[in-house]
Protein backbone atom coordinates (compact mmCIF):
# COMPACT_ATOMS: atom_id res chain seq x y z
CA CYS A 1 85.17 63.18 -141.69
CA ALA A 2 86.62 62.45 -145.12
CA LEU A 3 84.33 64.94 -146.85
CA GLU A 4 85.39 67.69 -144.48
CA GLU A 5 89.06 66.96 -145.10
CA TYR A 6 88.50 66.94 -148.84
CA VAL A 7 86.56 70.21 -148.85
CA ARG A 8 89.10 71.95 -146.64
CA SER A 9 92.04 70.79 -148.78
CA GLN A 10 90.40 71.55 -152.14
CA TYR A 11 88.82 74.86 -151.12
CA PRO A 12 91.16 76.39 -148.53
CA ASN A 13 89.92 79.91 -149.28
CA GLN A 14 86.32 78.97 -148.47
CA PRO A 15 86.28 78.08 -144.76
CA THR A 16 82.48 77.96 -144.56
CA ARG A 17 82.01 75.64 -147.55
CA PHE A 18 81.78 72.40 -145.53
CA GLY A 19 79.17 73.89 -143.20
CA LYS A 20 77.14 75.06 -146.17
CA LEU A 21 77.28 71.54 -147.64
CA LEU A 22 75.98 70.10 -144.38
CA LEU A 23 73.10 72.57 -144.42
CA ARG A 24 72.10 71.28 -147.89
CA LEU A 25 71.68 67.67 -146.73
CA PRO A 26 68.03 67.96 -145.61
CA ALA A 27 67.04 69.35 -149.01
CA LEU A 28 68.98 66.61 -150.81
CA ARG A 29 67.14 63.94 -148.83
CA MET A 30 63.88 65.24 -150.28
CA VAL A 31 64.99 64.53 -153.87
CA SER A 32 63.14 61.47 -155.15
CA SER A 33 64.94 58.37 -156.37
CA SER A 34 63.43 58.84 -159.84
CA VAL A 35 65.08 62.25 -160.11
CA ILE A 36 68.42 60.74 -159.05
CA GLU A 37 67.98 58.06 -161.72
CA GLN A 38 67.32 60.70 -164.36
CA LEU A 39 70.36 62.75 -163.37
CA PHE A 40 72.91 59.98 -163.14
CA PHE A 41 71.75 56.89 -165.01
CA VAL A 42 69.61 57.90 -168.00
CA ARG A 43 72.59 58.00 -170.38
CA LEU A 44 73.68 54.55 -169.25
CA VAL A 45 70.41 52.64 -169.08
CA GLY A 46 67.90 54.85 -170.88
CA LYS A 47 64.39 54.56 -169.51
CA THR A 48 65.00 51.22 -167.83
CA PRO A 49 64.09 51.53 -164.13
CA ILE A 50 67.12 51.15 -161.88
CA GLU A 51 65.28 48.43 -159.93
CA THR A 52 65.11 46.35 -163.13
CA LEU A 53 68.78 46.91 -163.80
CA ILE A 54 69.79 45.83 -160.29
CA ARG A 55 67.50 42.79 -160.40
CA ASP A 56 68.91 41.69 -163.75
CA MET A 57 72.47 42.21 -162.55
CA LEU A 58 71.84 40.01 -159.53
CA LEU A 59 70.06 37.32 -161.55
CA SER A 60 72.61 37.22 -164.37
CA GLY A 61 75.62 36.45 -162.19
CA SER A 62 78.79 37.18 -164.13
CA SER A 63 77.11 37.85 -167.48
CA PHE A 64 77.41 41.49 -168.52
CA ASN A 65 75.38 41.30 -171.74
CA TRP A 66 72.26 43.19 -170.65
CA PRO A 67 69.85 44.09 -173.46
CA TYR A 68 69.36 47.73 -172.47
CA MET A 69 73.06 48.61 -172.29
CA SER A 70 73.67 50.57 -175.47
CA ILE A 71 77.15 51.24 -176.74
CA GLN A 72 77.56 54.82 -177.90
């Protein structure tokens, strides 16, 4: 597993770290998609729902001039 290799190489003094990460997976699955959007995408797309962003990306083809993409 790539994650296991990464964790073991980056944190060699924490042999139980990978196991602890695996034990967190069930709790992470319970996090709603709206919370994930808030955490990772709010700075990029503001309050635009991620579904709208994906739809517009697919419909626009190669055009990258989306109205809700603000330059900061």
